[in-house]
Amino acid sequence: MRPATEEAATPAQDVGEVEIDEIRKAVRDLCSGFPGEYWRALEPDRYPREFVEALTEHGWLAALIPAEYGGAGLPLRAAAAIMEEISASGANAGACHAQMYTMGVLLRHGSAEQKRRYLPAIASGELRLQAFGVTEPDAGSDTPSIRTRAVRTDDGWHISGQKIWTSRAEHSDLMVLLARTTPVEEVERRWQGLSVFLVDLREAGDAVRITPIRTMMNHATTELYLDDVVVPADALVGEEGMGFRHILDGMNAERILIAAECGGDGRFLLDRASAYARERVVFGRQIGANQGVAFPLAHAHASVHAADLARRHATELFDGGRPCGTEANLAKLLAAEASWEAANAAIDTLGGYGFAEEYDVERKFRETRLYRTAPISNNLVLAHIAHHQLRLPRSY
């Protein structure tokens, strides 16, 4: 059920292969201004503000926002191409990907007023929307177990709780937040009673404490403490109590875009490794002539290519308005495994140089490893496939 105030979403414009190729080239050209030296200088934890601002200025992060709100109104296949080329260039798409799919909740379930108020400012870059507050210390994949509580009062909603792995919160003006509005004891099913809020982090001030979490890759992730954050009544997005469903609506797009990023990572790693294998001469010949080097790279290439085909199929279903939950999850699973296979093959090919910062392989090795675990563990994807496709007993 949708709120009565929601406007029908404007269909994304049709985009052909020529236009997609033009988008890919334009993104590559932009990324060429941010070479490996730029990304290495950011380590371990400086946010790539200049890169994100350049993407925003050229309109790439507003690709999915309808044209009437200042965006490009492109389909998901175009957004996937953007994310793939960012990763394939050697950049870290994880620095900005959330804006692509986080705003999906607002696009699908926001009121007409919310869309008019926020989407044009997000499209122009006046407002930054990168933070997605869902996960909690005791509620990761088990989302209905979240404890962050939102209580309705005369002045709006009072929200208290804790979130973790909320990436880019320090670099966002707005945050999409999931909180419990009805105690779990008072609902028939655990997923009920959750609601989505759009929190203005600038207005929240000290009521939201943000603590950075240092990780093995530069991902700008944080832990949040919400201490009686007051938001107006119209901060509620969609229907009260249906937040879990609203959040799930955007997950297919998230999975597909992550799969595209992994595909880009795989391309980057295989390009670097193959170039090295053609140039490196040991015992009088190029190491790429050795099957022990060539076969792992060839197999990783096959895996990346097959995962890309699965991703393209899921994207086609999504853009056609057809169910694609299993296909989106399967694409994410295959792409994450393929990019990790490519990362290991690249490290083996370069040998000691694979661990040297200047080749950027070790950085991509760390960055792409994330996606076997997040935003959903590949084991959970396997559990989904086992239960829904193979009709095996539910494991959780």
Protein backbone atom coordinates (compact mmCIF):
# COMPACT_ATOMS: atom_id res chain seq x y z
CA MET A 1 0.00 0.00 0.00
CA ARG A 2 1.36 3.41 -0.94
CA PRO A 3 0.70 6.70 0.85
CA ALA A 4 -2.02 8.75 -0.77
CA THR A 5 0.34 11.69 -1.22
CA GLU A 6 2.82 9.80 -3.36
CA GLU A 7 3.22 10.87 -6.97
CA ALA A 8 3.58 8.28 -9.68
CA ALA A 9 7.20 7.91 -10.67
CA THR A 10 8.09 9.21 -14.10
CA PRO A 11 9.33 6.35 -16.28
CA ALA A 12 13.04 6.50 -17.00
CA GLN A 13 13.93 7.48 -20.55
CA ASP A 14 14.88 4.73 -22.95
CA VAL A 15 18.61 4.60 -23.58
CA GLY A 16 20.23 2.65 -26.40
CA GLU A 17 23.65 1.05 -26.61
CA VAL A 18 25.12 4.07 -28.40
CA GLU A 19 24.07 6.33 -25.54
CA ILE A 20 25.40 3.85 -22.98
CA ASP A 21 28.75 3.80 -24.78
CA GLU A 22 28.80 7.61 -24.73
CA ILE A 23 28.09 7.59 -21.00
CA ARG A 24 30.88 5.10 -20.41
CA LYS A 25 33.37 7.22 -22.36
CA ALA A 26 32.36 10.42 -20.55
CA VAL A 27 32.78 8.75 -17.16
CA ARG A 28 36.17 7.35 -18.18
CA ASP A 29 37.27 10.80 -19.29
CA LEU A 30 36.27 12.30 -15.95
CA CYS A 31 37.97 9.54 -13.99
CA SER A 32 41.18 10.01 -15.95
CA GLY A 33 41.64 13.20 -13.97
CA PHE A 34 41.82 11.14 -10.79
CA PRO A 35 44.62 8.62 -11.38
CA GLY A 36 46.10 6.13 -8.95
CA GLU A 37 48.26 8.81 -7.34
CA TYR A 38 45.12 10.64 -6.25
CA TRP A 39 43.61 7.56 -4.61
CA ARG A 40 46.86 6.52 -2.94
CA ALA A 41 47.20 9.98 -1.42
CA LEU A 42 43.80 9.53 0.27
CA GLU A 43 44.89 6.48 2.25
CA PRO A 44 44.06 5.57 4.91
CA ASP A 45 40.91 7.58 5.56
CA ARG A 46 40.58 10.87 3.66
CA TYR A 47 37.27 11.19 1.82
CA PRO A 48 37.59 11.78 -1.96
CA ARG A 49 35.63 15.01 -1.83
CA GLU A 50 37.06 16.39 -5.07
CA PHE A 51 36.13 13.25 -6.97
CA VAL A 52 32.57 13.15 -5.62
CA GLU A 53 32.11 16.86 -6.35
CA ALA A 54 33.26 16.30 -9.95
CA LEU A 55 30.77 13.45 -10.40
CA THR A 56 28.03 15.64 -8.94
CA GLU A 57 28.94 18.63 -11.11
CA HIS A 58 28.69 16.50 -14.24
CA GLY A 59 25.34 15.08 -13.12
CA TRP A 60 26.38 11.45 -12.83
CA LEU A 61 25.16 10.97 -9.25
CA ALA A 62 21.76 12.37 -10.29
CA ALA A 63 21.39 9.84 -13.09
CA LEU A 64 18.34 8.15 -11.56
CA ILE A 65 16.55 11.33 -10.44
CA PRO A 66 13.67 12.19 -12.82
CA ALA A 67 14.28 15.11 -15.17
CA GLU A 68 11.53 17.21 -13.60
CA TYR A 69 13.57 17.28 -10.40
CA GLY A 70 16.82 18.24 -12.10
CA GLY A 71 18.21 14.78 -12.71
CA ALA A 72 18.90 12.84 -15.90
CA GLY A 73 15.98 10.43 -15.57
CA LEU A 74 18.11 7.54 -16.78
CA PRO A 75 17.31 3.82 -16.33
CA LEU A 76 19.25 1.60 -13.96
CA ARG A 77 21.31 0.16 -16.81
CA ALA A 78 22.84 3.61 -17.32
CA ALA A 79 23.55 3.99 -13.61
CA ALA A 80 25.18 0.55 -13.62
CA ALA A 81 27.40 1.60 -16.52
CA ILE A 82 28.48 4.68 -14.56
CA MET A 83 29.40 2.65 -11.48
CA GLU A 84 31.20 0.01 -13.55
CA GLU A 85 33.35 2.55 -15.37
CA ILE A 86 34.25 4.33 -12.14
CA SER A 87 35.56 1.06 -10.71
CA ALA A 88 37.22 -0.01 -13.96
CA SER A 89 39.14 3.28 -14.02
CA GLY A 90 40.76 2.40 -10.71
CA ALA A 91 38.60 4.77 -8.66
CA ASN A 92 36.59 3.68 -5.64
CA ALA A 93 32.89 3.76 -6.51
CA GLY A 94 32.13 2.93 -2.88
CA ALA A 95 32.82 6.57 -2.10
CA CYS A 96 29.62 7.66 -3.78
CA HIS A 97 27.44 4.70 -4.79
CA ALA A 98 24.96 5.10 -1.93
CA GLN A 99 23.39 8.22 -3.42
CA MET A 100 22.38 6.16 -6.43
CA TYR A 101 20.24 3.71 -4.50
CA THR A 102 19.56 5.40 -1.16
CA MET A 103 17.36 7.99 -2.82
CA GLY A 104 15.27 5.17 -4.26
CA VAL A 105 13.24 5.13 -1.05
CA LEU A 106 12.46 8.81 -1.53
CA LEU A 107 11.73 8.35 -5.24
CA ARG A 108 9.31 5.47 -4.69
CA HIS A 109 7.68 6.31 -1.39
CA GLY A 110 8.28 9.98 -0.71
CA SER A 111 5.41 12.45 -0.76
CA ALA A 112 5.06 15.00 -3.55
CA GLU A 113 6.26 17.70 -1.15
CA GLN A 114 9.30 15.68 -0.05
CA LYS A 115 10.32 15.12 -3.65
CA ARG A 116 9.92 18.80 -4.55
CA ARG A 117 11.84 19.86 -1.46
CA TYR A 118 14.79 17.49 -1.63
CA LEU A 119 15.35 15.95 -5.06
CA PRO A 120 16.35 19.13 -6.97
CA ALA A 121 18.83 20.05 -4.22
CA ILE A 122 20.25 16.51 -4.24
CA ALA A 123 20.55 16.56 -8.02
CA SER A 124 22.43 19.88 -8.00
CA GLY A 125 24.71 18.85 -5.14
CA GLU A 126 23.34 21.49 -2.79
CA LEU A 127 22.30 18.64 -0.49
CA ARG A 128 24.35 15.48 -0.02
CA LEU A 129 22.52 12.18 0.54
CA GLN A 130 24.96 9.35 1.13
CA ALA A 131 24.10 8.01 4.60
CA PHE A 132 21.83 4.99 5.01
CA GLY A 133 21.16 4.24 8.69
CA VAL A 134 19.86 0.68 8.96
CA THR A 135 22.43 -1.70 10.50
CA GLU A 136 22.89 -1.83 14.27
CA PRO A 137 25.44 -3.61 16.51
CA ASP A 138 22.92 -6.34 17.35
CA ALA A 139 20.96 -6.23 14.11
CA GLY A 140 22.91 -6.72 10.91
CA SER A 141 21.16 -8.86 8.34
CA ASP A 142 18.37 -9.49 10.86
CA THR A 143 16.86 -6.06 10.19
CA PRO A 144 13.58 -6.57 12.12
CA SER A 145 15.68 -6.82 15.31
CA ILE A 146 16.72 -3.17 15.22
CA ARG A 147 16.19 -1.25 18.45
CA THR A 148 16.43 2.37 17.35
CA ARG A 149 13.11 3.82 18.46
CA ALA A 150 11.04 6.66 17.02
CA VAL A 151 8.21 8.01 19.19
CA ARG A 152 5.54 10.33 17.86
CA THR A 153 4.98 13.53 19.86
CA ASP A 154 3.23 16.85 19.33
CA ASP A 155 6.36 18.33 17.73
CA GLY A 156 7.08 15.43 15.40
CA TRP A 157 9.18 12.35 16.16
CA HIS A 158 11.82 11.74 18.82
CA ILE A 159 14.43 9.20 17.74
CA SER A 160 16.99 7.46 19.94
CA GLY A 161 19.27 4.53 19.27
CA GLN A 162 22.52 3.41 17.70
CA LYS A 163 23.59 2.58 14.14
CA ILE A 164 26.80 1.07 12.84
CA TRP A 165 28.46 0.74 9.44
CA THR A 166 26.69 3.91 8.34
CA SER A 167 29.11 4.94 5.65
CA ARG A 168 29.72 8.57 4.65
CA ALA A 169 27.59 9.99 7.49
CA GLU A 170 30.25 12.64 8.06
CA HIS A 171 29.90 13.69 4.44
CA SER A 172 26.10 13.77 4.21
CA ASP A 173 23.55 16.46 4.89
CA LEU A 174 20.65 14.00 4.91
CA MET A 175 20.33 10.43 6.12
CA VAL A 176 17.71 7.81 5.33
CA LEU A 177 17.04 6.15 8.69
CA LEU A 178 15.09 3.04 9.64
CA ALA A 179 13.60 3.01 13.15
CA ARG A 180 10.99 1.07 15.06
CA THR A 181 7.77 3.02 15.57
CA THR A 182 5.74 0.16 17.04
CA PRO A 183 7.28 -2.22 19.61
CA VAL A 184 7.93 -5.67 18.19
CA GLU A 185 5.69 -7.16 20.90
CA GLU A 186 2.72 -5.28 19.43
CA VAL A 187 2.96 -6.45 15.81
CA GLU A 188 1.91 -9.72 14.23
CA ARG A 189 5.08 -10.13 12.18
CA ARG A 190 8.54 -8.91 13.17
CA TRP A 191 9.09 -6.85 10.01
CA GLN A 192 6.05 -4.74 10.79
CA GLY A 193 6.24 -1.57 12.88
CA LEU A 194 9.40 -0.20 11.24
CA SER A 195 9.36 3.22 9.56
CA VAL A 196 11.66 5.25 7.34
CA PHE A 197 12.69 8.82 8.17
CA LEU A 198 14.67 11.43 6.31
CA VAL A 199 16.91 13.00 8.94
CA ASP A 200 18.59 16.35 8.35
CA LEU A 201 21.97 15.82 9.99
CA ARG A 202 22.70 19.56 9.93
CA GLU A 203 19.64 20.34 12.02
CA ALA A 204 20.21 17.36 14.34
CA GLY A 205 23.49 18.84 15.49
CA ASP A 206 25.02 17.25 18.58
CA ALA A 207 22.00 14.95 19.01
CA VAL A 208 23.69 12.72 16.43
CA ARG A 209 27.21 11.71 17.44
CA ILE A 210 29.30 10.30 14.61
CA THR A 211 32.32 8.11 15.37
CA PRO A 212 34.53 7.05 12.44
CA ILE A 213 35.49 3.37 12.15
CA ARG A 214 38.91 2.64 10.68
CA THR A 215 38.79 -0.31 8.29
CA MET A 216 41.14 -2.16 5.93
CA MET A 217 39.87 -0.05 3.01
CA ASN A 218 39.11 3.66 2.76
CA HIS A 219 35.32 3.52 3.04
CA ALA A 220 34.48 6.42 5.39
CA THR A 221 32.22 4.27 7.55
CA THR A 222 30.98 5.28 10.97
CA GLU A 223 29.01 4.45 14.09
CA LEU A 224 26.09 6.73 15.03
CA TYR A 225 24.56 7.53 18.40
CA LEU A 226 21.14 9.16 18.21
CA ASP A 227 20.24 10.89 21.47
CA ASP A 228 16.64 12.12 21.31
CA VAL A 229 16.89 13.44 17.77
CA VAL A 230 13.79 15.52 17.00
CA VAL A 231 12.51 15.46 13.43
CA PRO A 232 9.27 17.01 12.11
CA ALA A 233 6.20 14.92 11.40
CA ASP A 234 6.80 15.20 7.65
CA ALA A 235 10.21 13.54 7.99
CA LEU A 236 8.36 10.21 7.78
CA VAL A 237 8.84 8.68 4.33
CA GLY A 238 6.02 6.52 3.05
CA GLU A 239 3.61 4.69 5.34
CA GLU A 240 4.24 4.37 9.06
CA GLY A 241 5.05 0.79 10.00
CA MET A 242 5.90 -0.24 6.43
CA GLY A 243 9.51 0.89 6.46
CA PHE A 244 10.95 -2.59 6.09
CA ARG A 245 9.03 -3.06 2.84
CA HIS A 246 10.06 0.40 1.66
CA ILE A 247 13.71 -0.37 2.32
CA LEU A 248 13.48 -3.70 0.50
CA ASP A 249 12.16 -1.89 -2.56
CA GLY A 250 15.58 -0.33 -3.06
CA MET A 251 17.63 -3.44 -2.39
CA ASN A 252 17.37 -4.84 -5.91
CA ALA A 253 18.88 -1.66 -7.35
CA GLU A 254 21.58 -1.76 -4.68
CA ARG A 255 22.52 -5.36 -5.51
CA ILE A 256 22.67 -4.61 -9.24
CA LEU A 257 24.81 -1.50 -8.82
CA ILE A 258 27.21 -3.34 -6.49
CA ALA A 259 27.46 -6.11 -9.09
CA ALA A 260 28.36 -3.49 -11.69
CA GLU A 261 31.05 -2.07 -9.41
CA CYS A 262 32.51 -5.54 -8.89
CA GLY A 263 32.54 -6.04 -12.64
CA GLY A 264 34.52 -2.83 -12.98
CA ASP A 265 36.93 -3.95 -10.27
CA GLY A 266 37.43 -7.24 -12.09
CA ARG A 267 38.17 -5.44 -15.35
CA PHE A 268 40.71 -3.15 -13.68
CA LEU A 269 42.52 -5.99 -11.96
CA LEU A 270 42.63 -8.18 -15.07
CA ASP A 271 43.83 -5.29 -17.22
CA ARG A 272 46.68 -4.57 -14.81
CA ALA A 273 47.62 -8.22 -14.41
CA SER A 274 47.44 -9.04 -18.12
CA ALA A 275 49.58 -6.03 -19.04
CA TYR A 276 52.18 -7.10 -16.49
CA ALA A 277 52.09 -10.71 -17.72
CA ARG A 278 52.76 -9.53 -21.30
CA GLU A 279 55.67 -7.32 -20.27
CA ARG A 280 57.40 -9.28 -17.52
CA VAL A 281 60.13 -11.57 -18.87
CA VAL A 282 61.51 -14.41 -16.73
CA PHE A 283 63.75 -17.22 -18.00
CA GLY A 284 63.79 -15.60 -21.40
CA ARG A 285 60.06 -15.36 -22.07
CA GLN A 286 56.95 -13.45 -21.04
CA ILE A 287 55.37 -14.92 -17.94
CA GLY A 288 51.97 -14.78 -19.65
CA ALA A 289 53.11 -17.70 -21.80
CA ASN A 290 53.08 -19.91 -18.72
CA GLN A 291 49.79 -21.68 -18.17
CA GLY A 292 50.22 -21.28 -14.43
CA VAL A 293 49.90 -17.55 -14.98
CA ALA A 294 47.59 -17.48 -18.00
CA PHE A 295 44.95 -19.96 -16.85
CA PRO A 296 44.01 -18.26 -13.56
CA LEU A 297 43.67 -14.95 -15.42
CA ALA A 298 41.62 -16.57 -18.18
CA HIS A 299 39.35 -18.26 -15.66
CA ALA A 300 38.88 -15.00 -13.75
CA HIS A 301 38.01 -13.28 -17.04
CA ALA A 302 35.39 -15.95 -17.75
CA SER A 303 33.94 -15.47 -14.25
CA VAL A 304 33.79 -11.68 -14.59
CA HIS A 305 32.16 -11.98 -18.03
CA ALA A 306 29.56 -14.51 -16.83
CA ALA A 307 28.74 -12.36 -13.79
CA ASP A 308 28.28 -9.35 -16.08
CA LEU A 309 25.78 -11.28 -18.17
CA ALA A 310 23.84 -12.13 -15.01
CA ARG A 311 23.95 -8.48 -13.95
CA ARG A 312 22.71 -7.31 -17.33
CA HIS A 313 19.80 -9.76 -17.15
CA ALA A 314 18.82 -8.53 -13.68
CA THR A 315 19.07 -4.93 -14.88
CA GLU A 316 16.84 -5.63 -17.85
CA LEU A 317 14.20 -7.11 -15.54
CA PHE A 318 14.46 -4.15 -13.15
CA ASP A 319 14.15 -1.55 -15.90
CA GLY A 320 11.21 -3.45 -17.33
CA GLY A 321 9.38 -3.29 -14.01
CA ARG A 322 9.48 -7.05 -13.57
CA PRO A 323 10.35 -9.04 -10.41
CA CYS A 324 14.10 -9.45 -10.12
CA GLY A 325 14.91 -10.18 -6.47
CA THR A 326 16.59 -13.50 -7.08
CA GLU A 327 18.34 -12.29 -10.22
CA ALA A 328 19.68 -9.16 -8.49
CA ASN A 329 21.01 -11.17 -5.56
CA LEU A 330 22.50 -13.79 -7.86
CA ALA A 331 24.26 -11.09 -9.90
CA LYS A 332 25.73 -9.58 -6.76
CA LEU A 333 26.92 -13.00 -5.57
CA LEU A 334 28.57 -13.94 -8.86
CA ALA A 335 30.14 -10.52 -9.41
CA ALA A 336 31.58 -10.30 -5.89
CA GLU A 337 33.10 -13.78 -6.21
CA ALA A 338 34.42 -13.01 -9.71
CA SER A 339 36.10 -9.75 -8.72
CA TRP A 340 37.71 -11.47 -5.73
CA GLU A 341 38.97 -14.24 -8.03
CA ALA A 342 40.43 -11.57 -10.32
CA ALA A 343 42.04 -9.83 -7.34
CA ASN A 344 43.79 -13.01 -6.22
CA ALA A 345 44.90 -13.86 -9.75
CA ALA A 346 46.30 -10.34 -10.13
CA ILE A 347 48.25 -10.57 -6.89
CA ASP A 348 49.68 -13.95 -7.93
CA THR A 349 50.62 -12.61 -11.36
CA LEU A 350 52.43 -9.53 -10.09
CA GLY A 351 54.09 -11.43 -7.26
CA GLY A 352 55.82 -9.03 -4.88
CA TYR A 353 54.79 -6.05 -6.97
CA GLY A 354 51.17 -6.97 -6.30
CA PHE A 355 51.69 -5.83 -2.73
CA ALA A 356 53.34 -2.56 -3.75
CA GLU A 357 51.14 0.51 -3.42
CA GLU A 358 52.25 2.07 -6.71
CA TYR A 359 50.57 -0.65 -8.80
CA ASP A 360 47.14 -0.06 -7.15
CA VAL A 361 46.41 -3.79 -7.20
CA GLU A 362 46.68 -4.20 -3.44
CA ARG A 363 44.25 -1.28 -2.97
CA LYS A 364 41.70 -2.80 -5.32
CA PHE A 365 42.33 -6.17 -3.65
CA ARG A 366 41.16 -4.63 -0.37
CA GLU A 367 38.31 -2.65 -1.85
CA THR A 368 36.68 -5.47 -3.79
CA ARG A 369 36.93 -7.93 -0.87
CA LEU A 370 34.26 -5.90 0.89
CA TYR A 371 31.53 -7.02 -1.47
CA ARG A 372 31.65 -10.68 -0.52
CA THR A 373 30.46 -9.49 2.90
CA ALA A 374 28.50 -6.29 2.29
CA PRO A 375 25.97 -4.90 1.69
CA ILE A 376 24.74 -8.47 2.08
CA SER A 377 26.83 -11.52 2.84
CA ASN A 378 27.16 -13.94 -0.03
CA ASN A 379 26.19 -16.69 2.39
CA LEU A 380 22.81 -15.02 2.87
CA VAL A 381 22.39 -14.87 -0.89
CA LEU A 382 23.06 -18.60 -1.02
CA ALA A 383 20.49 -19.13 1.73
CA HIS A 384 17.98 -17.11 -0.31
CA ILE A 385 18.64 -19.18 -3.43
CA ALA A 386 18.50 -22.46 -1.53
CA HIS A 387 15.15 -21.63 0.04
CA HIS A 388 13.38 -19.76 -2.76
CA GLN A 389 14.80 -21.49 -5.84
CA LEU A 390 15.60 -25.00 -4.63
CA ARG A 391 12.72 -25.12 -2.11
CA LEU A 392 15.02 -26.32 0.65
CA PRO A 393 14.06 -25.75 4.31
CA ARG A 394 14.64 -22.22 5.56
CA SER A 395 17.92 -21.94 7.47
CA TYR A 396 17.14 -18.78 9.47
